[in-house]
Amino acid sequence: MSLRCVNQLQCGGKIRWPELVGTDPAKAVAIIKKENVEVDTVIIDDGSQVFLGFCCNRVIIFTGGSSKIIRIPQIG
């Protein structure tokens, strides 16, 4: 992975997991780690403050009131 990556196109491996919307975050973390070993996952409540800056090794997982994923997990 490039230290200078500024968008998803520069990241290696799988970058988006639309199939995980509506699933349990813990299950999603396991799937994401299996499909792209280079990333770390961060689970946050929707509406929370997000991290500044783009990282090729970070996947943010947004959860809603039902504790299910409500946005497409993706590198960023």
Protein backbone atom coordinates (compact mmCIF):
# COMPACT_ATOMS: atom_id res chain seq x y z
CA MET A 1 0.00 0.00 0.00
CA SER A 2 1.14 3.48 -0.77
CA LEU A 3 1.75 5.90 2.07
CA ARG A 4 0.53 8.63 -0.25
CA CYS A 5 -2.82 7.12 -1.18
CA VAL A 6 -5.54 9.72 -1.39
CA ASN A 7 -8.39 7.71 -2.88
CA GLN A 8 -9.68 4.16 -3.05
CA LEU A 9 -8.26 3.50 -6.50
CA GLN A 10 -4.74 3.59 -5.05
CA CYS A 11 -5.47 0.97 -2.39
CA GLY A 12 -4.78 -2.70 -2.96
CA GLY A 13 -7.25 -5.54 -2.51
CA LYS A 14 -10.98 -5.33 -2.00
CA ILE A 15 -12.14 -1.82 -1.06
CA ARG A 16 -15.96 -2.02 -0.65
CA TRP A 17 -18.35 -4.52 0.94
CA PRO A 18 -21.93 -3.59 -0.12
CA GLU A 19 -23.09 -7.13 0.65
CA LEU A 20 -22.52 -6.49 4.38
CA VAL A 21 -25.17 -3.78 4.79
CA GLY A 22 -27.75 -5.05 7.28
CA THR A 23 -25.43 -7.61 8.87
CA ASP A 24 -23.92 -7.88 12.33
CA PRO A 25 -20.73 -5.78 12.71
CA ALA A 26 -18.72 -8.58 14.35
CA LYS A 27 -19.51 -10.92 11.46
CA ALA A 28 -18.60 -8.16 9.00
CA VAL A 29 -15.23 -7.57 10.66
CA ALA A 30 -14.32 -11.24 10.19
CA ILE A 31 -15.35 -11.17 6.52
CA ILE A 32 -13.49 -7.93 5.80
CA LYS A 33 -10.30 -9.19 7.49
CA LYS A 34 -10.50 -12.42 5.49
CA GLU A 35 -10.97 -10.61 2.17
CA ASN A 36 -8.35 -7.88 2.77
CA VAL A 37 -5.74 -8.69 5.40
CA GLU A 38 -4.15 -5.24 5.03
CA VAL A 39 -7.01 -3.35 6.71
CA ASP A 40 -8.12 -2.55 10.23
CA THR A 41 -11.79 -2.03 10.99
CA VAL A 42 -13.42 0.68 13.07
CA ILE A 43 -17.05 0.32 14.19
CA ILE A 44 -18.84 3.58 14.99
CA ASP A 45 -22.43 4.71 15.50
CA ASP A 46 -23.96 6.57 12.58
CA GLY A 47 -23.81 10.29 13.26
CA SER A 48 -20.60 10.06 15.26
CA GLN A 49 -17.61 12.14 14.33
CA VAL A 50 -15.46 10.37 11.75
CA PHE A 51 -11.72 10.42 11.32
CA LEU A 52 -10.04 13.09 9.25
CA GLY A 53 -7.79 11.99 6.44
CA PHE A 54 -7.92 9.04 4.10
CA CYS A 55 -6.27 5.72 4.96
CA CYS A 56 -5.91 2.69 2.70
CA ASN A 57 -5.72 0.46 5.75
CA ARG A 58 -8.92 1.57 7.50
CA VAL A 59 -12.50 0.39 6.96
CA ILE A 60 -15.16 2.31 8.84
CA ILE A 61 -18.28 0.33 9.72
CA PHE A 62 -21.33 2.48 10.51
CA THR A 63 -24.00 0.95 12.73
CA GLY A 64 -27.51 2.16 13.46
CA GLY A 65 -29.94 1.82 16.35
CA SER A 66 -30.53 -1.83 15.48
CA SER A 67 -26.78 -2.55 15.86
CA LYS A 68 -26.66 -3.58 12.21
CA ILE A 69 -24.50 -2.07 9.46
CA ILE A 70 -26.37 0.78 7.76
CA ARG A 71 -23.79 2.08 5.24
CA ILE A 72 -21.52 0.27 2.82
CA PRO A 73 -18.26 -0.55 4.62
CA GLN A 74 -15.38 0.80 2.56
CA ILE A 75 -11.78 1.83 2.80
CA GLY A 76 -11.29 5.42 3.78
